[in-house]
Structure formats: C-alpha cells, structure tokens
Amino acid sequence: MATYSLLLGIIVIIISWKFFNDWASGLAGFIYGGVLFWSFKLFVQMIKALFG
C-alpha cells in the first residue's frame, strides 16, 4: 500500500510538472493529501479501538 501511494504521488508530481509546469503544486498536493489520508485512517482506527 505504501509503495502504491508513493508511486501515485510521484506520478501526480510528474503530471503537474509536465502539463502545468508547476511541480511545487503537485508536491504540495501530494504531501497534503498524504497527511489527510493518514489522519483519516488514524481517526478510524481510534474509533474502532474505543468502540470496537
């Protein structure tokens, strides 16, 4: 899963770099998306631990 997420993020950065000539936006989106994804996953695991 981590390898898939990393490859997907690299592809997003490359696509934003080639088509929009702005690799920083792709990198920022990748980091922000990763933080949101892992925060949501952690939140779900905490709820399962508390109520499961």
N, C-alpha and C. Protein backbone atom coordinates (compact mmCIF):
# COMPACT_ATOMS: atom_id res chain seq x y z
N MET A 1 0.83 -1.20 0.00
CA MET A 1 0.00 0.00 0.00
C MET A 1 0.87 1.26 0.00
N ALA A 2 1.91 1.26 0.80
CA ALA A 2 2.78 2.44 0.87
C ALA A 2 3.50 2.66 -0.46
N THR A 3 3.92 1.57 -1.09
CA THR A 3 4.59 1.69 -2.39
C THR A 3 3.64 2.24 -3.43
N TYR A 4 2.40 1.77 -3.41
CA TYR A 4 1.38 2.25 -4.35
C TYR A 4 1.13 3.74 -4.15
N SER A 5 1.00 4.16 -2.89
CA SER A 5 0.77 5.58 -2.61
C SER A 5 1.95 6.43 -3.05
N LEU A 6 3.16 5.94 -2.82
CA LEU A 6 4.35 6.68 -3.23
C LEU A 6 4.41 6.82 -4.75
N LEU A 7 4.16 5.73 -5.47
CA LEU A 7 4.18 5.79 -6.93
C LEU A 7 3.09 6.71 -7.46
N LEU A 8 1.92 6.65 -6.87
CA LEU A 8 0.83 7.53 -7.29
C LEU A 8 1.19 8.99 -7.06
N GLY A 9 1.81 9.29 -5.93
CA GLY A 9 2.24 10.66 -5.64
C GLY A 9 3.28 11.15 -6.62
N ILE A 10 4.24 10.29 -6.95
CA ILE A 10 5.28 10.67 -7.91
C ILE A 10 4.67 10.93 -9.28
N ILE A 11 3.71 10.12 -9.68
CA ILE A 11 3.03 10.32 -10.96
C ILE A 11 2.28 11.65 -10.98
N VAL A 12 1.63 11.98 -9.87
CA VAL A 12 0.91 13.26 -9.78
C VAL A 12 1.88 14.43 -9.92
N ILE A 13 3.03 14.35 -9.25
CA ILE A 13 4.03 15.42 -9.33
C ILE A 13 4.54 15.56 -10.76
N ILE A 14 4.84 14.43 -11.42
CA ILE A 14 5.35 14.48 -12.79
C ILE A 14 4.30 15.04 -13.75
N ILE A 15 3.04 14.62 -13.60
CA ILE A 15 1.98 15.12 -14.48
C ILE A 15 1.80 16.62 -14.30
N SER A 16 1.79 17.09 -13.03
CA SER A 16 1.61 18.53 -12.82
C SER A 16 2.82 19.31 -13.34
N TRP A 17 3.98 18.68 -13.31
CA TRP A 17 5.19 19.34 -13.80
C TRP A 17 5.16 19.44 -15.31
N LYS A 18 4.77 18.36 -15.99
CA LYS A 18 4.80 18.34 -17.45
C LYS A 18 3.68 19.18 -18.07
N PHE A 19 2.48 19.08 -17.52
CA PHE A 19 1.34 19.75 -18.15
C PHE A 19 1.16 21.19 -17.68
N PHE A 20 1.44 21.46 -16.42
CA PHE A 20 1.19 22.80 -15.89
C PHE A 20 2.48 23.55 -15.58
N ASN A 21 3.63 22.90 -15.75
CA ASN A 21 4.94 23.49 -15.50
C ASN A 21 5.01 24.04 -14.07
N ASP A 22 4.44 23.28 -13.14
CA ASP A 22 4.39 23.71 -11.74
C ASP A 22 4.51 22.48 -10.85
N TRP A 23 5.74 22.02 -10.61
CA TRP A 23 5.93 20.82 -9.81
C TRP A 23 5.67 21.05 -8.33
N ALA A 24 5.78 22.30 -7.87
CA ALA A 24 5.58 22.58 -6.44
C ALA A 24 4.13 22.34 -6.03
N SER A 25 3.18 22.65 -6.90
CA SER A 25 1.78 22.40 -6.57
C SER A 25 1.50 20.90 -6.46
N GLY A 26 2.10 20.14 -7.35
CA GLY A 26 1.94 18.69 -7.27
C GLY A 26 2.55 18.13 -6.00
N LEU A 27 3.71 18.64 -5.62
CA LEU A 27 4.36 18.18 -4.40
C LEU A 27 3.54 18.56 -3.16
N ALA A 28 3.06 19.79 -3.15
CA ALA A 28 2.24 20.24 -2.02
C ALA A 28 0.95 19.44 -1.93
N GLY A 29 0.33 19.16 -3.05
CA GLY A 29 -0.89 18.35 -3.06
C GLY A 29 -0.63 16.94 -2.58
N PHE A 30 0.50 16.38 -2.98
CA PHE A 30 0.86 15.03 -2.55
C PHE A 30 1.07 14.97 -1.03
N ILE A 31 1.78 15.94 -0.49
CA ILE A 31 2.03 15.97 0.96
C ILE A 31 0.73 16.21 1.71
N TYR A 32 -0.06 17.18 1.26
CA TYR A 32 -1.32 17.50 1.93
C TYR A 32 -2.29 16.32 1.86
N GLY A 33 -2.37 15.69 0.69
CA GLY A 33 -3.24 14.52 0.53
C GLY A 33 -2.79 13.36 1.41
N GLY A 34 -1.48 13.17 1.52
CA GLY A 34 -0.98 12.11 2.38
C GLY A 34 -1.30 12.35 3.84
N VAL A 35 -1.15 13.59 4.28
CA VAL A 35 -1.47 13.93 5.67
C VAL A 35 -2.95 13.71 5.94
N LEU A 36 -3.81 14.13 5.03
CA LEU A 36 -5.25 13.92 5.21
C LEU A 36 -5.60 12.44 5.23
N PHE A 37 -5.00 11.67 4.32
CA PHE A 37 -5.29 10.24 4.24
C PHE A 37 -4.89 9.52 5.52
N TRP A 38 -3.68 9.77 6.01
CA TRP A 38 -3.22 9.08 7.21
C TRP A 38 -3.94 9.59 8.45
N SER A 39 -4.34 10.84 8.49
CA SER A 39 -5.12 11.35 9.62
C SER A 39 -6.47 10.68 9.68
N PHE A 40 -7.11 10.52 8.53
CA PHE A 40 -8.41 9.85 8.48
C PHE A 40 -8.27 8.39 8.89
N LYS A 41 -7.24 7.73 8.42
CA LYS A 41 -7.01 6.33 8.76
C LYS A 41 -6.77 6.17 10.26
N LEU A 42 -5.98 7.07 10.85
CA LEU A 42 -5.72 7.03 12.28
C LEU A 42 -7.01 7.27 13.07
N PHE A 43 -7.83 8.20 12.62
CA PHE A 43 -9.09 8.50 13.28
C PHE A 43 -10.01 7.29 13.27
N VAL A 44 -10.09 6.59 12.15
CA VAL A 44 -10.92 5.40 12.04
C VAL A 44 -10.41 4.30 12.99
N GLN A 45 -9.10 4.13 13.05
CA GLN A 45 -8.53 3.11 13.96
C GLN A 45 -8.79 3.47 15.42
N MET A 46 -8.75 4.75 15.76
CA MET A 46 -9.04 5.15 17.14
C MET A 46 -10.49 4.88 17.50
N ILE A 47 -11.40 5.16 16.57
CA ILE A 47 -12.82 4.89 16.81
C ILE A 47 -13.05 3.40 16.99
N LYS A 48 -12.41 2.58 16.16
CA LYS A 48 -12.54 1.12 16.29
C LYS A 48 -12.01 0.64 17.64
N ALA A 49 -10.90 1.22 18.08
CA ALA A 49 -10.31 0.81 19.35
C ALA A 49 -11.18 1.20 20.53
N LEU A 50 -11.81 2.36 20.44
CA LEU A 50 -12.64 2.84 21.54
C LEU A 50 -13.98 2.12 21.61
N PHE A 51 -14.62 1.90 20.47
CA PHE A 51 -15.97 1.36 20.45
C PHE A 51 -16.06 -0.06 19.92
N GLY A 52 -14.96 -0.60 19.40
CA GLY A 52 -14.99 -1.93 18.80
C GLY A 52 -14.70 -2.93 19.81
